Amino acid sequence: MTEKSKGVRLEEALGGLRKHLEDMKVLAHELEVLRDSMEGTNSENTARYESISEAADELYCATDRISEGIEDANQVEWD
């Protein structure tokens, strides 16, 4: 069996990251929608609201960092 080249292995890894990145973005959006639906209600001033809000914000930050990492990895050149 032929060993995969580093470039192929990197592309496969980045493909997996991109898929999981999209999953994380969907989850962050779902949390944001849930948070927004709680605004203006008695639920807005609860620990659950704060937890959902923080989780959405952190997921958005994480997706930004992962996106930047993918962009950086795309710049890798092989000799």
PDB file of N, CA and C in Angstrom:
ATOM      1  N   MET A   1       0.838  -1.169   0.000  1.00  0.00           N
ATOM      2  CA  MET A   1       0.000   0.000   0.000  1.00  0.00           C
ATOM      3  C   MET A   1       0.889   1.239   0.000  1.00  0.00           C
ATOM      4  N   THR A   2       0.548   2.216  -0.827  1.00  0.00           N
ATOM      5  CA  THR A   2       1.326   3.433  -0.948  1.00  0.00           C
ATOM      6  C   THR A   2       0.945   4.414   0.147  1.00  0.00           C
ATOM      7  N   GLU A   3       1.969   4.975   0.765  1.00  0.00           N
ATOM      8  CA  GLU A   3       1.725   5.979   1.800  1.00  0.00           C
ATOM      9  C   GLU A   3       1.267   7.272   1.143  1.00  0.00           C
ATOM     10  N   LYS A   4       0.287   7.932   1.749  1.00  0.00           N
ATOM     11  CA  LYS A   4      -0.228   9.190   1.216  1.00  0.00           C
ATOM     12  C   LYS A   4       0.817  10.278   1.396  1.00  0.00           C
ATOM     13  N   SER A   5       0.854  11.190   0.435  1.00  0.00           N
ATOM     14  CA  SER A   5       1.794  12.301   0.542  1.00  0.00           C
ATOM     15  C   SER A   5       1.342  13.245   1.657  1.00  0.00           C
ATOM     16  N   LYS A   6       2.272  14.042   2.119  1.00  0.00           N
ATOM     17  CA  LYS A   6       1.959  15.009   3.169  1.00  0.00           C
ATOM     18  C   LYS A   6       0.892  15.990   2.701  1.00  0.00           C
ATOM     19  N   GLY A   7       0.963  16.394   1.441  1.00  0.00           N
ATOM     20  CA  GLY A   7      -0.028  17.311   0.893  1.00  0.00           C
ATOM     21  C   GLY A   7      -1.428  16.719   0.905  1.00  0.00           C
ATOM     22  N   VAL A   8      -1.539  15.441   0.536  1.00  0.00           N
ATOM     23  CA  VAL A   8      -2.835  14.760   0.543  1.00  0.00           C
ATOM     24  C   VAL A   8      -3.331  14.629   1.975  1.00  0.00           C
ATOM     25  N   ARG A   9      -2.454  14.254   2.884  1.00  0.00           N
ATOM     26  CA  ARG A   9      -2.846  14.119   4.291  1.00  0.00           C
ATOM     27  C   ARG A   9      -3.309  15.452   4.857  1.00  0.00           C
ATOM     28  N   LEU A  10      -2.623  16.545   4.501  1.00  0.00           N
ATOM     29  CA  LEU A  10      -3.020  17.867   4.966  1.00  0.00           C
ATOM     30  C   LEU A  10      -4.397  18.226   4.414  1.00  0.00           C
ATOM     31  N   GLU A  11      -4.627  17.984   3.139  1.00  0.00           N
ATOM     32  CA  GLU A  11      -5.926  18.300   2.535  1.00  0.00           C
ATOM     33  C   GLU A  11      -7.043  17.499   3.193  1.00  0.00           C
ATOM     34  N   GLU A  12      -6.787  16.241   3.509  1.00  0.00           N
ATOM     35  CA  GLU A  12      -7.791  15.423   4.185  1.00  0.00           C
ATOM     36  C   GLU A  12      -8.086  15.976   5.574  1.00  0.00           C
ATOM     37  N   ALA A  13      -7.035  16.369   6.282  1.00  0.00           N
ATOM     38  CA  ALA A  13      -7.215  16.933   7.625  1.00  0.00           C
ATOM     39  C   ALA A  13      -7.993  18.248   7.548  1.00  0.00           C
ATOM     40  N   LEU A  14      -7.641  19.084   6.582  1.00  0.00           N
ATOM     41  CA  LEU A  14      -8.341  20.356   6.431  1.00  0.00           C
ATOM     42  C   LEU A  14      -9.798  20.138   6.039  1.00  0.00           C
ATOM     43  N   GLY A  15     -10.064  19.122   5.233  1.00  0.00           N
ATOM     44  CA  GLY A  15     -11.443  18.805   4.875  1.00  0.00           C
ATOM     45  C   GLY A  15     -12.263  18.445   6.105  1.00  0.00           C
ATOM     46  N   GLY A  16     -11.662  17.650   6.977  1.00  0.00           N
ATOM     47  CA  GLY A  16     -12.341  17.304   8.228  1.00  0.00           C
ATOM     48  C   GLY A  16     -12.576  18.524   9.095  1.00  0.00           C
ATOM     49  N   LEU A  17     -11.579  19.380   9.177  1.00  0.00           N
ATOM     50  CA  LEU A  17     -11.729  20.613   9.955  1.00  0.00           C
ATOM     51  C   LEU A  17     -12.843  21.489   9.397  1.00  0.00           C
ATOM     52  N   ARG A  18     -12.882  21.618   8.076  1.00  0.00           N
ATOM     53  CA  ARG A  18     -13.922  22.446   7.450  1.00  0.00           C
ATOM     54  C   ARG A  18     -15.321  21.904   7.766  1.00  0.00           C
ATOM     55  N   LYS A  19     -15.479  20.583   7.727  1.00  0.00           N
ATOM     56  CA  LYS A  19     -16.780  19.985   8.026  1.00  0.00           C
ATOM     57  C   LYS A  19     -17.170  20.264   9.473  1.00  0.00           C
ATOM     58  N   HIS A  20     -16.238  20.044  10.382  1.00  0.00           N
ATOM     59  CA  HIS A  20     -16.533  20.278  11.796  1.00  0.00           C
ATOM     60  C   HIS A  20     -16.713  21.761  12.087  1.00  0.00           C
ATOM     61  N   LEU A  21     -16.003  22.603  11.361  1.00  0.00           N
ATOM     62  CA  LEU A  21     -16.171  24.041  11.503  1.00  0.00           C
ATOM     63  C   LEU A  21     -17.600  24.432  11.147  1.00  0.00           C
ATOM     64  N   GLU A  22     -18.108  23.882  10.058  1.00  0.00           N
ATOM     65  CA  GLU A  22     -19.490  24.176   9.671  1.00  0.00           C
ATOM     66  C   GLU A  22     -20.473  23.688  10.733  1.00  0.00           C
ATOM     67  N   ASP A  23     -20.217  22.511  11.302  1.00  0.00           N
ATOM     68  CA  ASP A  23     -21.069  21.997  12.378  1.00  0.00           C
ATOM     69  C   ASP A  23     -21.064  22.957  13.566  1.00  0.00           C
ATOM     70  N   MET A  24     -19.901  23.478  13.905  1.00  0.00           N
ATOM     71  CA  MET A  24     -19.785  24.414  15.026  1.00  0.00           C
ATOM     72  C   MET A  24     -20.514  25.725  14.729  1.00  0.00           C
ATOM     73  N   LYS A  25     -20.431  26.196  13.491  1.00  0.00           N
ATOM     74  CA  LYS A  25     -21.124  27.432  13.121  1.00  0.00           C
ATOM     75  C   LYS A  25     -22.638  27.257  13.223  1.00  0.00           C
ATOM     76  N   VAL A  26     -23.127  26.096  12.796  1.00  0.00           N
ATOM     77  CA  VAL A  26     -24.559  25.815  12.898  1.00  0.00           C
ATOM     78  C   VAL A  26     -24.982  25.795  14.360  1.00  0.00           C
ATOM     79  N   LEU A  27     -24.206  25.141  15.200  1.00  0.00           N
ATOM     80  CA  LEU A  27     -24.519  25.084  16.624  1.00  0.00           C
ATOM     81  C   LEU A  27     -24.492  26.479  17.247  1.00  0.00           C
ATOM     82  N   ALA A  28     -23.496  27.276  16.908  1.00  0.00           N
ATOM     83  CA  ALA A  28     -23.416  28.637  17.437  1.00  0.00           C
ATOM     84  C   ALA A  28     -24.638  29.439  17.012  1.00  0.00           C
ATOM     85  N   HIS A  29     -25.054  29.280  15.768  1.00  0.00           N
ATOM     86  CA  HIS A  29     -26.234  29.987  15.282  1.00  0.00           C
ATOM     87  C   HIS A  29     -27.490  29.534  16.026  1.00  0.00           C
ATOM     88  N   GLU A  30     -27.613  28.232  16.251  1.00  0.00           N
ATOM     89  CA  GLU A  30     -28.766  27.711  16.992  1.00  0.00           C
ATOM     90  C   GLU A  30     -28.808  28.289  18.395  1.00  0.00           C
ATOM     91  N   LEU A  31     -27.654  28.384  19.041  1.00  0.00           N
ATOM     92  CA  LEU A  31     -27.601  28.973  20.380  1.00  0.00           C
ATOM     93  C   LEU A  31     -27.966  30.453  20.334  1.00  0.00           C
ATOM     94  N   GLU A  32     -27.514  31.136  19.307  1.00  0.00           N
ATOM     95  CA  GLU A  32     -27.827  32.551  19.156  1.00  0.00           C
ATOM     96  C   GLU A  32     -29.343  32.754  18.986  1.00  0.00           C
ATOM     97  N   VAL A  33     -29.968  31.920  18.175  1.00  0.00           N
ATOM     98  CA  VAL A  33     -31.417  32.000  17.973  1.00  0.00           C
ATOM     99  C   VAL A  33     -32.147  31.734  19.286  1.00  0.00           C
ATOM    100  N   LEU A  34     -31.693  30.728  20.025  1.00  0.00           N
ATOM    101  CA  LEU A  34     -32.295  30.421  21.319  1.00  0.00           C
ATOM    102  C   LEU A  34     -32.141  31.597  22.271  1.00  0.00           C
ATOM    103  N   ARG A  35     -30.949  32.170  22.325  1.00  0.00           N
ATOM    104  CA  ARG A  35     -30.705  33.330  23.180  1.00  0.00           C
ATOM    105  C   ARG A  35     -31.630  34.477  22.787  1.00  0.00           C
ATOM    106  N   ASP A  36     -31.713  34.750  21.489  1.00  0.00           N
ATOM    107  CA  ASP A  36     -32.559  35.848  21.016  1.00  0.00           C
ATOM    108  C   ASP A  36     -34.026  35.639  21.371  1.00  0.00           C
ATOM    109  N   SER A  37     -34.458  34.381  21.345  1.00  0.00           N
ATOM    110  CA  SER A  37     -35.862  34.094  21.677  1.00  0.00           C
ATOM    111  C   SER A  37     -36.147  34.312  23.157  1.00  0.00           C
ATOM    112  N   MET A  38     -35.103  34.306  23.966  1.00  0.00           N
ATOM    113  CA  MET A  38     -35.262  34.507  25.402  1.00  0.00           C
ATOM    114  C   MET A  38     -35.254  35.987  25.778  1.00  0.00           C
ATOM    115  N   GLU A  39     -34.769  36.834  24.889  1.00  0.00           N
ATOM    116  CA  GLU A  39     -34.681  38.259  25.187  1.00  0.00           C
ATOM    117  C   GLU A  39     -36.076  38.855  25.313  1.00  0.00           C
ATOM    118  N   GLY A  40     -36.228  39.743  26.284  1.00  0.00           N
ATOM    119  CA  GLY A  40     -37.512  40.387  26.511  1.00  0.00           C
ATOM    120  C   GLY A  40     -38.491  39.535  27.286  1.00  0.00           C
ATOM    121  N   THR A  41     -38.020  38.392  27.785  1.00  0.00           N
ATOM    122  CA  THR A  41     -38.879  37.519  28.589  1.00  0.00           C
ATOM    123  C   THR A  41     -38.278  37.401  29.986  1.00  0.00           C
ATOM    124  N   ASN A  42     -38.986  36.701  30.851  1.00  0.00           N
ATOM    125  CA  ASN A  42     -38.461  36.460  32.204  1.00  0.00           C
ATOM    126  C   ASN A  42     -37.187  35.625  32.173  1.00  0.00           C
ATOM    127  N   SER A  43     -36.966  34.915  31.079  1.00  0.00           N
ATOM    128  CA  SER A  43     -35.788  34.051  30.969  1.00  0.00           C
ATOM    129  C   SER A  43     -34.505  34.827  30.710  1.00  0.00           C
ATOM    130  N   GLU A  44     -34.648  36.098  30.306  1.00  0.00           N
ATOM    131  CA  GLU A  44     -33.469  36.875  29.923  1.00  0.00           C
ATOM    132  C   GLU A  44     -32.501  37.092  31.083  1.00  0.00           C
ATOM    133  N   ASN A  45     -32.986  37.146  32.271  1.00  0.00           N
ATOM    134  CA  ASN A  45     -32.129  37.423  33.433  1.00  0.00           C
ATOM    135  C   ASN A  45     -31.842  36.175  34.246  1.00  0.00           C
ATOM    136  N   THR A  46     -31.618  35.065  33.562  1.00  0.00           N
ATOM    137  CA  THR A  46     -31.371  33.807  34.252  1.00  0.00           C
ATOM    138  C   THR A  46     -29.964  33.296  33.954  1.00  0.00           C
ATOM    139  N   ALA A  47     -29.525  32.370  34.763  1.00  0.00           N
ATOM    140  CA  ALA A  47     -28.223  31.737  34.552  1.00  0.00           C
ATOM    141  C   ALA A  47     -28.222  30.970  33.228  1.00  0.00           C
ATOM    142  N   ARG A  48     -29.352  30.393  32.870  1.00  0.00           N
ATOM    143  CA  ARG A  48     -29.438  29.642  31.609  1.00  0.00           C
ATOM    144  C   ARG A  48     -29.219  30.576  30.418  1.00  0.00           C
ATOM    145  N   TYR A  49     -29.818  31.740  30.450  1.00  0.00           N
ATOM    146  CA  TYR A  49     -29.635  32.725  29.383  1.00  0.00           C
ATOM    147  C   TYR A  49     -28.165  33.110  29.287  1.00  0.00           C
ATOM    148  N   GLU A  50     -27.550  33.393  30.415  1.00  0.00           N
ATOM    149  CA  GLU A  50     -26.135  33.768  30.423  1.00  0.00           C
ATOM    150  C   GLU A  50     -25.260  32.641  29.876  1.00  0.00           C
ATOM    151  N   SER A  51     -25.565  31.422  30.264  1.00  0.00           N
ATOM    152  CA  SER A  51     -24.801  30.263  29.804  1.00  0.00           C
ATOM    153  C   SER A  51     -24.932  30.090  28.289  1.00  0.00           C
ATOM    154  N   ILE A  52     -26.141  30.207  27.786  1.00  0.00           N
ATOM    155  CA  ILE A  52     -26.370  30.079  26.349  1.00  0.00           C
ATOM    156  C   ILE A  52     -25.659  31.206  25.607  1.00  0.00           C
ATOM    157  N   SER A  53     -25.758  32.402  26.130  1.00  0.00           N
ATOM    158  CA  SER A  53     -25.122  33.563  25.502  1.00  0.00           C
ATOM    159  C   SER A  53     -23.606  33.404  25.443  1.00  0.00           C
ATOM    160  N   GLU A  54     -23.021  33.003  26.554  1.00  0.00           N
ATOM    161  CA  GLU A  54     -21.576  32.795  26.605  1.00  0.00           C
ATOM    162  C   GLU A  54     -21.147  31.668  25.659  1.00  0.00           C
ATOM    163  N   ALA A  55     -21.912  30.593  25.625  1.00  0.00           N
ATOM    164  CA  ALA A  55     -21.567  29.471  24.749  1.00  0.00           C
ATOM    165  C   ALA A  55     -21.608  29.897  23.286  1.00  0.00           C
ATOM    166  N   ALA A  56     -22.622  30.656  22.897  1.00  0.00           N
ATOM    167  CA  ALA A  56     -22.714  31.137  21.517  1.00  0.00           C
ATOM    168  C   ALA A  56     -21.516  32.015  21.186  1.00  0.00           C
ATOM    169  N   ASP A  57     -21.211  32.956  22.071  1.00  0.00           N
ATOM    170  CA  ASP A  57     -20.080  33.857  21.828  1.00  0.00           C
ATOM    171  C   ASP A  57     -18.762  33.100  21.731  1.00  0.00           C
ATOM    172  N   GLU A  58     -18.553  32.149  22.627  1.00  0.00           N
ATOM    173  CA  GLU A  58     -17.308  31.368  22.609  1.00  0.00           C
ATOM    174  C   GLU A  58     -17.202  30.509  21.353  1.00  0.00           C
ATOM    175  N   LEU A  59     -18.311  29.929  20.928  1.00  0.00           N
ATOM    176  CA  LEU A  59     -18.276  29.127  19.700  1.00  0.00           C
ATOM    177  C   LEU A  59     -17.955  29.995  18.492  1.00  0.00           C
ATOM    178  N   TYR A  60     -18.534  31.197  18.435  1.00  0.00           N
ATOM    179  CA  TYR A  60     -18.216  32.097  17.326  1.00  0.00           C
ATOM    180  C   TYR A  60     -16.731  32.466  17.346  1.00  0.00           C
ATOM    181  N   CYS A  61     -16.181  32.738  18.528  1.00  0.00           N
ATOM    182  CA  CYS A  61     -14.740  33.041  18.631  1.00  0.00           C
ATOM    183  C   CYS A  61     -13.902  31.842  18.190  1.00  0.00           C
ATOM    184  N   ALA A  62     -14.295  30.663  18.616  1.00  0.00           N
ATOM    185  CA  ALA A  62     -13.553  29.448  18.254  1.00  0.00           C
ATOM    186  C   ALA A  62     -13.605  29.219  16.749  1.00  0.00           C
ATOM    187  N   THR A  63     -14.764  29.451  16.137  1.00  0.00           N
ATOM    188  CA  THR A  63     -14.858  29.234  14.692  1.00  0.00           C
ATOM    189  C   THR A  63     -13.986  30.238  13.942  1.00  0.00           C
ATOM    190  N   ASP A  64     -13.902  31.453  14.469  1.00  0.00           N
ATOM    191  CA  ASP A  64     -13.010  32.443  13.842  1.00  0.00           C
ATOM    192  C   ASP A  64     -11.559  31.981  13.907  1.00  0.00           C
ATOM    193  N   ARG A  65     -11.142  31.480  15.070  1.00  0.00           N
ATOM    194  CA  ARG A  65      -9.758  31.017  15.223  1.00  0.00           C
ATOM    195  C   ARG A  65      -9.476  29.808  14.334  1.00  0.00           C
ATOM    196  N   ILE A  66     -10.425  28.893  14.254  1.00  0.00           N
ATOM    197  CA  ILE A  66     -10.241  27.713  13.402  1.00  0.00           C
ATOM    198  C   ILE A  66     -10.164  28.135  11.940  1.00  0.00           C
ATOM    199  N   SER A  67     -11.017  29.060  11.538  1.00  0.00           N
ATOM    200  CA  SER A  67     -10.979  29.557  10.153  1.00  0.00           C
ATOM    201  C   SER A  67      -9.617  30.159   9.832  1.00  0.00           C
ATOM    202  N   GLU A  68      -9.079  30.933  10.769  1.00  0.00           N
ATOM    203  CA  GLU A  68      -7.754  31.521  10.576  1.00  0.00           C
ATOM    204  C   GLU A  68      -6.689  30.434  10.462  1.00  0.00           C
ATOM    205  N   GLY A  69      -6.806  29.399  11.278  1.00  0.00           N
ATOM    206  CA  GLY A  69      -5.859  28.291  11.219  1.00  0.00           C
ATOM    207  C   GLY A  69      -5.923  27.557   9.890  1.00  0.00           C
ATOM    208  N   ILE A  70      -7.125  27.375   9.380  1.00  0.00           N
ATOM    209  CA  ILE A  70      -7.280  26.724   8.073  1.00  0.00           C
ATOM    210  C   ILE A  70      -6.639  27.576   6.994  1.00  0.00           C
ATOM    211  N   GLU A  71      -6.879  28.879   7.049  1.00  0.00           N
ATOM    212  CA  GLU A  71      -6.260  29.789   6.077  1.00  0.00           C
ATOM    213  C   GLU A  71      -4.726  29.703   6.146  1.00  0.00           C
ATOM    214  N   ASP A  72      -4.194  29.678   7.362  1.00  0.00           N
ATOM    215  CA  ASP A  72      -2.746  29.562   7.528  1.00  0.00           C
ATOM    216  C   ASP A  72      -2.244  28.232   6.955  1.00  0.00           C
ATOM    217  N   ALA A  73      -2.952  27.150   7.236  1.00  0.00           N
ATOM    218  CA  ALA A  73      -2.524  25.829   6.753  1.00  0.00           C
ATOM    219  C   ALA A  73      -2.589  25.754   5.229  1.00  0.00           C
ATOM    220  N   ASN A  74      -3.497  26.493   4.634  1.00  0.00           N
ATOM    221  CA  ASN A  74      -3.597  26.512   3.175  1.00  0.00           C
ATOM    222  C   ASN A  74      -2.364  27.150   2.538  1.00  0.00           C
ATOM    223  N   GLN A  75      -1.604  27.894   3.307  1.00  0.00           N
ATOM    224  CA  GLN A  75      -0.406  28.552   2.796  1.00  0.00           C
ATOM    225  C   GLN A  75       0.832  27.637   2.812  1.00  0.00           C
ATOM    226  N   VAL A  76       0.691  26.475   3.444  1.00  0.00           N
ATOM    227  CA  VAL A  76       1.818  25.551   3.537  1.00  0.00           C
ATOM    228  C   VAL A  76       2.196  25.057   2.156  1.00  0.00           C
ATOM    229  N   GLU A  77       3.464  25.142   1.859  1.00  0.00           N
ATOM    230  CA  GLU A  77       3.960  24.647   0.574  1.00  0.00           C
ATOM    231  C   GLU A  77       4.945  23.511   0.845  1.00  0.00           C
ATOM    232  N   TRP A  78       4.889  22.500   0.004  1.00  0.00           N
ATOM    233  CA  TRP A  78       5.762  21.340   0.154  1.00  0.00           C
ATOM    234  C   TRP A  78       6.860  21.418  -0.884  1.00  0.00           C
ATOM    235  N   ASP A  79       8.040  21.026  -0.485  1.00  0.00           N
ATOM    236  CA  ASP A  79       9.183  20.998  -1.400  1.00  0.00           C
ATOM    237  C   ASP A  79       9.056  19.883  -2.396  1.00  0.00           C
TER     238      ASP A  79
END
